[in-house]
C-alpha atoms as a PDB file:
ATOM      1  CA  MET A   1       0.043  -0.128   0.097  1.00  0.00           C
ATOM      2  CA  LYS A   2       2.793   2.367   0.701  1.00  0.00           C
ATOM      3  CA  LYS A   3       4.501   1.804  -2.436  1.00  0.00           C
ATOM      4  CA  THR A   4       1.569   2.303  -4.374  1.00  0.00           C
ATOM      5  CA  LEU A   5       1.030   5.916  -2.398  1.00  0.00           C
ATOM      6  CA  LEU A   6       4.287   6.533  -3.115  1.00  0.00           C
ATOM      7  CA  THR A   7       4.430   5.786  -6.824  1.00  0.00           C
ATOM      8  CA  LEU A   8       1.052   7.696  -6.996  1.00  0.00           C
ATOM      9  CA  LEU A   9       2.865  10.679  -5.675  1.00  0.00           C
ATOM     10  CA  ILE A  10       5.827  10.219  -7.976  1.00  0.00           C
ATOM     11  CA  ILE A  11       3.562  10.572 -10.830  1.00  0.00           C
ATOM     12  CA  LEU A  12       1.425  13.431  -9.696  1.00  0.00           C
ATOM     13  CA  GLN A  13       4.727  15.735  -8.883  1.00  0.00           C
ATOM     14  CA  SER A  14       5.798  14.403 -12.683  1.00  0.00           C
ATOM     15  CA  LEU A  15       2.625  15.754 -14.034  1.00  0.00           C
ATOM     16  CA  LEU A  16       2.968  18.975 -12.124  1.00  0.00           C
ATOM     17  CA  ILE A  17       6.536  19.632 -13.097  1.00  0.00           C
ATOM     18  CA  SER A  18       5.412  19.110 -16.864  1.00  0.00           C
ATOM     19  CA  ALA A  19       2.380  21.519 -16.538  1.00  0.00           C
ATOM     20  CA  GLN A  20       4.611  23.941 -14.936  1.00  0.00           C
ATOM     21  CA  ASN A  21       7.005  23.483 -17.837  1.00  0.00           C
ATOM     22  CA  LYS A  22       4.626  23.052 -20.445  1.00  0.00           C
ATOM     23  CA  ILE A  23       5.363  25.637 -23.369  1.00  0.00           C
ATOM     24  CA  GLN A  24       2.752  28.061 -24.705  1.00  0.00           C
ATOM     25  CA  ILE A  25       2.949  29.963 -27.715  1.00  0.00           C
ATOM     26  CA  ARG A  26       0.491  32.820 -27.713  1.00  0.00           C
ATOM     27  CA  ALA A  27      -0.610  34.999 -30.876  1.00  0.00           C
ATOM     28  CA  THR A  28       0.011  38.715 -30.869  1.00  0.00           C
ATOM     29  CA  SER A  29      -3.408  40.658 -30.812  1.00  0.00           C
ATOM     30  CA  ALA A  30      -4.598  41.243 -34.676  1.00  0.00           C
ATOM     31  CA  SER A  31      -5.874  44.726 -33.311  1.00  0.00           C
ATOM     32  CA  PRO A  32      -3.842  46.040 -30.627  1.00  0.00           C
ATOM     33  CA  SER A  33      -5.207  48.491 -28.198  1.00  0.00           C
ATOM     34  CA  ALA A  34      -3.938  51.903 -28.223  1.00  0.00           C
ATOM     35  CA  SER A  35      -4.797  55.170 -26.067  1.00  0.00           C
ATOM     36  CA  PHE A  36      -3.543  58.846 -25.904  1.00  0.00           C
ATOM     37  CA  GLU A  37      -4.396  61.982 -24.219  1.00  0.00           C
ATOM     38  CA  GLN A  38      -3.378  65.389 -25.390  1.00  0.00           C
ATOM     39  CA  GLU A  39      -4.103  69.149 -24.341  1.00  0.00           C
ATOM     40  CA  VAL A  40      -5.487  71.186 -27.137  1.00  0.00           C
ATOM     41  CA  GLY A  41      -5.542  74.529 -25.821  1.00  0.00           C
ATOM     42  CA  SER A  42      -7.374  74.362 -22.399  1.00  0.00           C
ATOM     43  CA  ALA A  43      -8.657  71.079 -23.440  1.00  0.00           C
ATOM     44  CA  LYS A  44      -7.963  67.704 -22.245  1.00  0.00           C
ATOM     45  CA  ILE A  45      -8.845  65.343 -25.077  1.00  0.00           C
ATOM     46  CA  LYS A  46      -8.457  61.522 -24.913  1.00  0.00           C
ATOM     47  CA  MET A  47      -8.885  58.865 -27.314  1.00  0.00           C
ATOM     48  CA  ALA A  48      -8.809  54.960 -26.462  1.00  0.00           C
ATOM     49  CA  TYR A  49      -9.429  52.431 -30.038  1.00  0.00           C
ATOM     50  CA  SER A  50      -8.196  49.310 -31.329  1.00  0.00           C
ATOM     51  CA  ARG A  51      -5.374  49.124 -34.471  1.00  0.00           C
ATOM     52  CA  PRO A  52      -6.228  46.533 -36.819  1.00  0.00           C
ATOM     53  CA  LEU A  53      -3.562  45.831 -39.419  1.00  0.00           C
ATOM     54  CA  VAL A  54      -3.757  45.890 -43.160  1.00  0.00           C
ATOM     55  CA  ARG A  55      -2.022  42.374 -43.600  1.00  0.00           C
ATOM     56  CA  GLY A  56      -1.930  42.319 -47.439  1.00  0.00           C
ATOM     57  CA  ARG A  57      -5.982  43.295 -47.780  1.00  0.00           C
ATOM     58  CA  LYS A  58      -7.527  45.836 -49.653  1.00  0.00           C
ATOM     59  CA  ILE A  59      -9.089  48.264 -46.895  1.00  0.00           C
ATOM     60  CA  PHE A  60     -11.458  50.569 -48.022  1.00  0.00           C
ATOM     61  CA  GLY A  61     -14.171  49.488 -50.677  1.00  0.00           C
ATOM     62  CA  GLU A  62     -13.503  45.928 -49.823  1.00  0.00           C
ATOM     63  CA  LEU A  63     -12.802  44.871 -45.927  1.00  0.00           C
ATOM     64  CA  VAL A  64     -14.230  47.797 -45.141  1.00  0.00           C
ATOM     65  CA  PRO A  65     -17.180  48.797 -47.295  1.00  0.00           C
ATOM     66  CA  PHE A  66     -18.028  52.145 -48.692  1.00  0.00           C
ATOM     67  CA  ASP A  67     -21.236  53.766 -47.457  1.00  0.00           C
ATOM     68  CA  LYS A  68     -22.020  51.430 -44.537  1.00  0.00           C
ATOM     69  CA  LEU A  69     -21.507  52.089 -40.880  1.00  0.00           C
ATOM     70  CA  TRP A  70     -17.884  51.324 -39.671  1.00  0.00           C
ATOM     71  CA  ARG A  71     -16.875  51.126 -36.085  1.00  0.00           C
ATOM     72  CA  THR A  72     -13.973  52.986 -36.967  1.00  0.00           C
ATOM     73  CA  GLY A  73     -11.195  50.835 -35.672  1.00  0.00           C
ATOM     74  CA  ALA A  74     -11.763  47.311 -34.148  1.00  0.00           C
ATOM     75  CA  SER A  75     -13.055  45.605 -31.381  1.00  0.00           C
ATOM     76  CA  ASP A  76     -14.846  47.757 -28.948  1.00  0.00           C
ATOM     77  CA  CYS A  77     -16.124  51.091 -30.234  1.00  0.00           C
ATOM     78  CA  THR A  78     -13.301  53.913 -30.599  1.00  0.00           C
ATOM     79  CA  VAL A  79     -14.071  56.510 -27.959  1.00  0.00           C
ATOM     80  CA  ILE A  80     -13.032  60.204 -27.316  1.00  0.00           C
ATOM     81  CA  SER A  81     -13.124  62.042 -24.244  1.00  0.00           C
ATOM     82  CA  THR A  82     -12.911  65.817 -23.376  1.00  0.00           C
ATOM     83  CA  SER A  83     -12.513  67.674 -20.499  1.00  0.00           C
ATOM     84  CA  GLU A  84     -14.544  70.655 -21.508  1.00  0.00           C
ATOM     85  CA  ASP A  85     -17.082  71.760 -24.581  1.00  0.00           C
ATOM     86  CA  ILE A  86     -14.785  71.765 -27.754  1.00  0.00           C
ATOM     87  CA  SER A  87     -15.679  72.588 -31.324  1.00  0.00           C
ATOM     88  CA  PHE A  88     -15.460  69.449 -33.274  1.00  0.00           C
ATOM     89  CA  GLY A  89     -16.151  69.137 -36.909  1.00  0.00           C
ATOM     90  CA  ASN A  90     -17.563  73.019 -36.453  1.00  0.00           C
ATOM     91  CA  ASN A  91     -20.083  71.450 -33.822  1.00  0.00           C
ATOM     92  CA  VAL A  92     -20.303  71.995 -30.268  1.00  0.00           C
ATOM     93  CA  LEU A  93     -19.261  68.503 -28.525  1.00  0.00           C
ATOM     94  CA  LYS A  94     -20.031  69.029 -24.620  1.00  0.00           C
ATOM     95  CA  ALA A  95     -17.386  67.448 -22.213  1.00  0.00           C
ATOM     96  CA  GLY A  96     -17.911  64.183 -21.536  1.00  0.00           C
ATOM     97  CA  SER A  97     -17.240  60.629 -23.419  1.00  0.00           C
ATOM     98  CA  TYR A  98     -18.596  59.510 -26.706  1.00  0.00           C
ATOM     99  CA  SER A  99     -18.199  56.771 -29.253  1.00  0.00           C
ATOM    100  CA  ILE A 100     -17.003  57.455 -32.838  1.00  0.00           C
ATOM    101  CA  PHE A 101     -18.213  55.661 -35.872  1.00  0.00           C
ATOM    102  CA  SER A 102     -18.368  56.586 -39.439  1.00  0.00           C
ATOM    103  CA  ILE A 103     -19.704  55.760 -42.911  1.00  0.00           C
ATOM    104  CA  PRO A 104     -16.811  56.066 -45.364  1.00  0.00           C
ATOM    105  CA  SER A 105     -17.340  56.958 -49.191  1.00  0.00           C
ATOM    106  CA  VAL A 106     -14.818  57.626 -51.960  1.00  0.00           C
ATOM    107  CA  ASN A 107     -14.578  61.280 -51.493  1.00  0.00           C
ATOM    108  CA  ASN A 108     -16.097  61.729 -48.039  1.00  0.00           C
ATOM    109  CA  TRP A 109     -16.892  60.269 -44.654  1.00  0.00           C
ATOM    110  CA  THR A 110     -19.878  60.664 -42.263  1.00  0.00           C
ATOM    111  CA  ILE A 111     -18.528  61.327 -39.012  1.00  0.00           C
ATOM    112  CA  ILE A 112     -20.972  60.005 -36.291  1.00  0.00           C
ATOM    113  CA  VAL A 113     -20.517  61.075 -32.632  1.00  0.00           C
ATOM    114  CA  ASN A 114     -22.424  58.620 -30.410  1.00  0.00           C
ATOM    115  CA  SER A 115     -23.360  58.870 -26.565  1.00  0.00           C
ATOM    116  CA  ASP A 116     -22.909  54.966 -26.138  1.00  0.00           C
ATOM    117  CA  THR A 117     -19.395  54.113 -25.333  1.00  0.00           C
ATOM    118  CA  THR A 118     -20.211  50.632 -24.311  1.00  0.00           C
ATOM    119  CA  LEU A 119     -20.659  49.070 -27.696  1.00  0.00           C
ATOM    120  CA  HIS A 120     -18.529  46.057 -29.256  1.00  0.00           C
ATOM    121  CA  GLY A 121     -17.942  47.138 -32.797  1.00  0.00           C
ATOM    122  CA  GLU A 122     -21.094  48.051 -34.400  1.00  0.00           C
ATOM    123  CA  THR A 123     -23.329  45.836 -32.633  1.00  0.00           C
ATOM    124  CA  GLY A 124     -26.139  47.635 -30.539  1.00  0.00           C
ATOM    125  CA  TYR A 125     -25.472  50.727 -32.325  1.00  0.00           C
ATOM    126  CA  ASP A 126     -28.812  53.046 -31.832  1.00  0.00           C
ATOM    127  CA  GLU A 127     -28.854  55.858 -34.309  1.00  0.00           C
ATOM    128  CA  LYS A 128     -31.388  57.693 -32.002  1.00  0.00           C
ATOM    129  CA  LYS A 129     -28.399  58.153 -29.390  1.00  0.00           C
ATOM    130  CA  ASP A 130     -26.185  60.208 -32.033  1.00  0.00           C
ATOM    131  CA  ILE A 131     -24.948  63.339 -30.897  1.00  0.00           C
ATOM    132  CA  MET A 132     -23.995  64.534 -34.287  1.00  0.00           C
ATOM    133  CA  ARG A 133     -23.164  63.704 -37.894  1.00  0.00           C
ATOM    134  CA  PHE A 134     -21.093  66.023 -40.252  1.00  0.00           C
ATOM    135  CA  LYS A 135     -18.926  65.555 -43.198  1.00  0.00           C
ATOM    136  CA  VAL A 136     -15.081  65.689 -43.969  1.00  0.00           C
ATOM    137  CA  PRO A 137     -13.345  65.295 -47.398  1.00  0.00           C
ATOM    138  CA  SER A 138     -11.427  61.982 -47.845  1.00  0.00           C
ATOM    139  CA  GLU A 139      -7.611  62.535 -48.675  1.00  0.00           C
ATOM    140  CA  ARG A 140      -4.917  60.336 -50.333  1.00  0.00           C
ATOM    141  CA  ASN A 141      -2.328  59.769 -48.065  1.00  0.00           C
ATOM    142  CA  THR A 142       1.345  59.814 -49.408  1.00  0.00           C
ATOM    143  CA  SER A 143       2.464  57.202 -46.963  1.00  0.00           C
ATOM    144  CA  PHE A 144       1.352  53.875 -46.533  1.00  0.00           C
ATOM    145  CA  TYR A 145      -0.290  53.451 -43.071  1.00  0.00           C
ATOM    146  CA  GLU A 146      -0.135  49.486 -42.489  1.00  0.00           C
ATOM    147  CA  THR A 147      -1.821  50.087 -38.836  1.00  0.00           C
ATOM    148  CA  PHE A 148      -4.986  51.792 -38.645  1.00  0.00           C
ATOM    149  CA  THR A 149      -4.131  55.019 -36.600  1.00  0.00           C
ATOM    150  CA  ILE A 150      -5.801  58.176 -35.054  1.00  0.00           C
ATOM    151  CA  GLU A 151      -3.440  60.884 -33.918  1.00  0.00           C
ATOM    152  CA  LEU A 152      -3.811  64.432 -32.768  1.00  0.00           C
ATOM    153  CA  ASN A 153      -2.021  67.014 -34.818  1.00  0.00           C
ATOM    154  CA  ASP A 154      -0.867  70.483 -36.400  1.00  0.00           C
ATOM    155  CA  ILE A 155      -2.204  71.678 -32.999  1.00  0.00           C
ATOM    156  CA  ASN A 156      -1.766  75.711 -32.983  1.00  0.00           C
ATOM    157  CA  SER A 157      -1.371  78.461 -30.821  1.00  0.00           C
ATOM    158  CA  LYS A 158      -5.139  79.252 -31.065  1.00  0.00           C
ATOM    159  CA  GLY A 159      -6.233  76.190 -29.435  1.00  0.00           C
ATOM    160  CA  GLY A 160      -7.171  74.598 -32.864  1.00  0.00           C
ATOM    161  CA  ALA A 161      -5.873  71.110 -34.262  1.00  0.00           C
ATOM    162  CA  PHE A 162      -6.896  68.309 -36.906  1.00  0.00           C
ATOM    163  CA  LEU A 163      -8.260  64.639 -35.487  1.00  0.00           C
ATOM    164  CA  LYS A 164      -6.678  62.326 -38.508  1.00  0.00           C
ATOM    165  CA  ILE A 165      -7.906  58.937 -38.926  1.00  0.00           C
ATOM    166  CA  ILE A 166      -5.420  57.223 -41.237  1.00  0.00           C
ATOM    167  CA  TRP A 167      -5.573  53.830 -42.653  1.00  0.00           C
ATOM    168  CA  GLU A 168      -3.972  52.299 -45.894  1.00  0.00           C
ATOM    169  CA  ASN A 169      -3.500  55.535 -48.083  1.00  0.00           C
ATOM    170  CA  THR A 170      -6.762  57.131 -47.038  1.00  0.00           C
ATOM    171  CA  MET A 171      -6.626  60.072 -44.572  1.00  0.00           C
ATOM    172  CA  VAL A 172      -9.734  62.030 -43.126  1.00  0.00           C
ATOM    173  CA  LYS A 173      -8.971  65.182 -40.597  1.00  0.00           C
ATOM    174  CA  ILE A 174     -11.902  66.618 -38.329  1.00  0.00           C
ATOM    175  CA  PRO A 175     -11.012  70.345 -36.946  1.00  0.00           C
ATOM    176  CA  ILE A 176     -11.127  70.517 -33.361  1.00  0.00           C
ATOM    177  CA  LYS A 177     -10.840  73.555 -31.329  1.00  0.00           C
ATOM    178  CA  SER A 178     -10.637  74.302 -27.717  1.00  0.00           C
ATOM    179  CA  LYS A 179     -12.793  77.269 -26.253  1.00  0.00           C
ATOM    180  CA  GLU A 180      -9.440  78.772 -24.684  1.00  0.00           C
ATOM    181  CA  ASP A 181      -8.999  81.433 -27.611  1.00  0.00           C
ATOM    182  CA  ASP A 182     -12.545  82.686 -27.541  1.00  0.00           C
ATOM    183  CA  THR A 183     -12.418  83.148 -23.816  1.00  0.00           C
ATOM    184  CA  ILE A 184      -9.229  85.116 -23.600  1.00  0.00           C
ATOM    185  CA  LEU A 185     -10.283  87.193 -26.598  1.00  0.00           C
ATOM    186  CA  ALA A 186     -13.323  87.791 -24.750  1.00  0.00           C
ATOM    187  CA  LEU A 187     -11.593  88.896 -21.858  1.00  0.00           C
ATOM    188  CA  ILE A 188      -9.450  91.475 -23.694  1.00  0.00           C
ATOM    189  CA  ASP A 189     -12.513  92.926 -25.575  1.00  0.00           C
ATOM    190  CA  LYS A 190     -14.175  93.452 -22.159  1.00  0.00           C
ATOM    191  CA  HIS A 191     -11.210  94.897 -19.924  1.00  0.00           C
ATOM    192  CA  LEU A 192      -8.597  96.322 -22.521  1.00  0.00           C
ATOM    193  CA  ILE A 193     -11.071  97.244 -25.743  1.00  0.00           C
ATOM    194  CA  THR A 194     -13.992  98.326 -24.004  1.00  0.00           C
ATOM    195  CA  ALA A 195     -13.243  99.374 -20.660  1.00  0.00           C
ATOM    196  CA  LYS A 196      -9.973 100.533 -21.402  1.00  0.00           C
ATOM    197  CA  THR A 197      -8.263  99.290 -18.134  1.00  0.00           C
ATOM    198  CA  GLN A 198      -4.780 100.823 -17.310  1.00  0.00           C
ATOM    199  CA  ASP A 199      -3.334  97.727 -15.821  1.00  0.00           C
ATOM    200  CA  PRO A 200       0.273  97.380 -17.254  1.00  0.00           C
ATOM    201  CA  ALA A 201       0.296  93.442 -16.409  1.00  0.00           C
ATOM    202  CA  LEU A 202      -2.881  93.141 -18.207  1.00  0.00           C
ATOM    203  CA  LEU A 203      -1.612  95.371 -21.328  1.00  0.00           C
ATOM    204  CA  PHE A 204       1.481  93.055 -21.257  1.00  0.00           C
ATOM    205  CA  GLN A 205      -0.299  89.757 -21.151  1.00  0.00           C
ATOM    206  CA  ALA A 206      -2.928  90.550 -24.020  1.00  0.00           C
ATOM    207  CA  ALA A 207      -0.012  92.025 -26.281  1.00  0.00           C
ATOM    208  CA  ASN A 208       2.080  88.632 -25.848  1.00  0.00           C
ATOM    209  CA  TYR A 209      -0.999  86.982 -26.670  1.00  0.00           C
ATOM    210  CA  TYR A 210      -1.682  88.981 -30.025  1.00  0.00           C
ATOM    211  CA  TYR A 211       2.052  88.122 -30.402  1.00  0.00           C
ATOM    212  CA  SER A 212       2.026  84.115 -29.942  1.00  0.00           C
ATOM    213  CA  THR A 213      -1.511  84.038 -31.672  1.00  0.00           C
ATOM    214  CA  ASN A 214       0.219  86.441 -34.830  1.00  0.00           C
ATOM    215  CA  ARG A 215      -2.659  88.691 -34.562  1.00  0.00           C
ATOM    216  CA  ASP A 216      -2.831  92.186 -34.847  1.00  0.00           C
ATOM    217  CA  TYR A 217       0.674  93.494 -34.296  1.00  0.00           C
ATOM    218  CA  ARG A 218       0.372  97.151 -34.508  1.00  0.00           C
ATOM    219  CA  GLN A 219      -2.523  96.850 -31.598  1.00  0.00           C
ATOM    220  CA  ALA A 220       0.186  94.593 -29.433  1.00  0.00           C
ATOM    221  CA  ILE A 221       2.455  97.288 -29.514  1.00  0.00           C
ATOM    222  CA  MET A 222       0.495 100.372 -28.776  1.00  0.00           C
ATOM    223  CA  TRP A 223      -0.672  98.211 -25.593  1.00  0.00           C
ATOM    224  CA  LEU A 224       2.856  97.633 -24.643  1.00  0.00           C
ATOM    225  CA  GLU A 225       3.680 101.253 -24.881  1.00  0.00           C
ATOM    226  CA  GLU A 226       1.090 102.078 -22.557  1.00  0.00           C
ATOM    227  CA  ALA A 227       2.276  99.271 -20.252  1.00  0.00           C
ATOM    228  CA  GLU A 228       5.755 101.141 -20.407  1.00  0.00           C
ATOM    229  CA  LYS A 229       4.222 104.560 -19.440  1.00  0.00           C
ATOM    230  CA  LEU A 230       2.422 102.885 -16.753  1.00  0.00           C
ATOM    231  CA  ASN A 231       5.729 100.721 -15.292  1.00  0.00           C
ATOM    232  CA  PRO A 232       8.834 102.173 -17.156  1.00  0.00           C
ATOM    233  CA  GLU A 233      11.184 100.115 -14.968  1.00  0.00           C
ATOM    234  CA  ASN A 234       9.777  96.893 -16.021  1.00  0.00           C
ATOM    235  CA  PHE A 235      12.305  95.188 -18.699  1.00  0.00           C
ATOM    236  CA  TYR A 236       9.998  92.468 -20.308  1.00  0.00           C
ATOM    237  CA  TYR A 237       7.669  95.479 -21.601  1.00  0.00           C
ATOM    238  CA  PRO A 238       9.800  97.154 -24.246  1.00  0.00           C
ATOM    239  CA  ASN A 239      11.585  93.795 -24.396  1.00  0.00           C
ATOM    240  CA  LEU A 240       8.447  92.382 -26.275  1.00  0.00           C
ATOM    241  CA  ARG A 241       8.010  95.254 -28.084  1.00  0.00           C
ATOM    242  CA  GLN A 242      11.466  95.005 -29.849  1.00  0.00           C
ATOM    243  CA  LYS A 243      10.770  91.506 -30.820  1.00  0.00           C
ATOM    244  CA  ILE A 244       6.785  92.584 -32.252  1.00  0.00           C
ATOM    245  CA  ALA A 245       8.380  95.627 -34.070  1.00  0.00           C
ATOM    246  CA  SER A 246      11.584  93.735 -35.431  1.00  0.00           C
ATOM    247  CA  GLU A 247       9.128  90.808 -37.047  1.00  0.00           C
ATOM    248  CA  SER A 248       6.975  93.691 -38.369  1.00  0.00           C
ATOM    249  CA  LYS A 249      10.223  95.221 -39.986  1.00  0.00           C
ATOM    250  CA  ASP A 250       9.502  98.459 -37.974  1.00  0.00           C
ATOM    251  CA  TYR A 251      13.081  98.960 -37.141  1.00  0.00           C
ATOM    252  CA  ILE A 252      12.715 102.544 -35.861  1.00  0.00           C
ATOM    253  CA  ASN A 253      10.343 101.315 -33.486  1.00  0.00           C
ATOM    254  CA  ALA A 254      12.528  98.299 -32.560  1.00  0.00           C
ATOM    255  CA  ILE A 255      15.566 100.423 -31.937  1.00  0.00           C
ATOM    256  CA  ASP A 256      13.801 102.308 -29.722  1.00  0.00           C
ATOM    257  CA  ALA A 257      12.440  99.403 -27.773  1.00  0.00           C
ATOM    258  CA  ALA A 258      15.579  97.627 -27.688  1.00  0.00           C
ATOM    259  CA  LYS A 259      17.602 100.622 -26.241  1.00  0.00           C
ATOM    260  CA  LYS A 260      14.975 101.141 -23.149  1.00  0.00           C
ATOM    261  CA  ALA A 261      15.075  97.200 -22.462  1.00  0.00           C
ATOM    262  CA  LEU A 262      18.840  97.453 -22.772  1.00  0.00           C
ATOM    263  CA  ALA A 263      19.245 100.266 -20.244  1.00  0.00           C
ATOM    264  CA  LEU A 264      17.011  98.490 -17.913  1.00  0.00           C
ATOM    265  CA  ALA A 265      18.961  94.991 -18.637  1.00  0.00           C
ATOM    266  CA  GLU A 266      22.201  96.666 -17.679  1.00  0.00           C
ATOM    267  CA  LYS A 267      20.686  97.791 -14.620  1.00  0.00           C
ATOM    268  CA  GLU A 268      20.243  94.128 -13.813  1.00  0.00           C
ATOM    269  CA  LYS A 269      23.577  93.136 -14.896  1.00  0.00           C
ATOM    270  CA  MET A 270      21.408  90.949 -17.517  1.00  0.00           C
ATOM    271  CA  LYS A 271      25.141  90.090 -19.368  1.00  0.00           C
ATOM    272  CA  SER A 272      23.760  87.884 -22.204  1.00  0.00           C
ATOM    273  CA  THR A 273      20.560  89.796 -22.618  1.00  0.00           C
ATOM    274  CA  ILE A 274      22.929  93.017 -23.044  1.00  0.00           C
ATOM    275  CA  GLU A 275      25.269  91.545 -25.690  1.00  0.00           C
ATOM    276  CA  MET A 276      22.310  90.218 -27.675  1.00  0.00           C
ATOM    277  CA  LEU A 277      20.220  93.517 -27.514  1.00  0.00           C
ATOM    278  CA  LYS A 278      23.429  95.697 -28.530  1.00  0.00           C
ATOM    279  CA  GLU A 279      23.537  93.192 -31.531  1.00  0.00           C
ATOM    280  CA  LYS A 280      20.276  93.736 -32.680  1.00  0.00           C
ATOM    281  CA  ILE A 281      20.573  97.460 -32.525  1.00  0.00           C
ATOM    282  CA  ASN A 282      23.620  97.371 -34.148  1.00  0.00           C
ATOM    283  CA  ASN A 283      21.881  95.324 -37.361  1.00  0.00           C
ATOM    284  CA  TRP A 284      18.702  97.226 -37.425  1.00  0.00           C
ATOM    285  CA  GLU A 285      20.806 100.571 -37.377  1.00  0.00           C
ATOM    286  CA  THR A 286      22.930  99.278 -40.129  1.00  0.00           C
ATOM    287  CA  LEU A 287      19.584  98.136 -42.052  1.00  0.00           C
ATOM    288  CA  LEU A 288      18.446 101.674 -41.987  1.00  0.00           C
ATOM    289  CA  LYS A 289      21.544 103.283 -43.190  1.00  0.00           C
ATOM    290  CA  LYS A 290      21.246 101.050 -46.928  1.00  0.00           C
END
């Protein structure tokens, strides 16, 4: 009896060891999941989607039929989340999470934003839950994309960007814009243009915003000149003015501002800035002599 039990124990141990050492080969996912978060202006935008591969197949018009609802990816539905209201395809998309579907056609796609984010593919899709539909043109992409890709690019200083959907040699671009630019412009209009607030810091901020967003440089310079009168000891006001004036090729104004900034920089012993401003003044004076 003891010998039998011992034999059974040895067999069990052998089976356990065999199971532990068993080699397993797992196939990689056919549509790996992906996600990213990107700031656009004051909005934080997140995307979660799956990325199918071409694998030698013809995609649009065959694997993904034209003029039929598509999950815009693979596996679970593609989801977009935004932390605040944004302009999405020139429509207002409220803060929250949404699924994205599409109807690809040869020359354009219908983009669909739906409130149901729990779906697996198109299964259970309910048109009544659509938040918006709009069309965007389809473009031929010069680079071949083996992997289905969604990216948020071409971000600009005014809080705009494009959400790009790319696969094979096809790309569509959805314009996105945060509300930050409109909010800042409304503040500038209220406090500086309408109320004409005499706050040098606010005048500087408005001028800097106009400069960074490539707006009316003449207005920006006027605000900076006012700020300098109100606070003549602030180096940053004339320093920004010389930058804007030089980009406008207004070298007389640029020299005037640079000399004022230079005097303030010398007081603060800003060595590298002093050298830079002297060089700029010399270059502009040379240009004016020609």
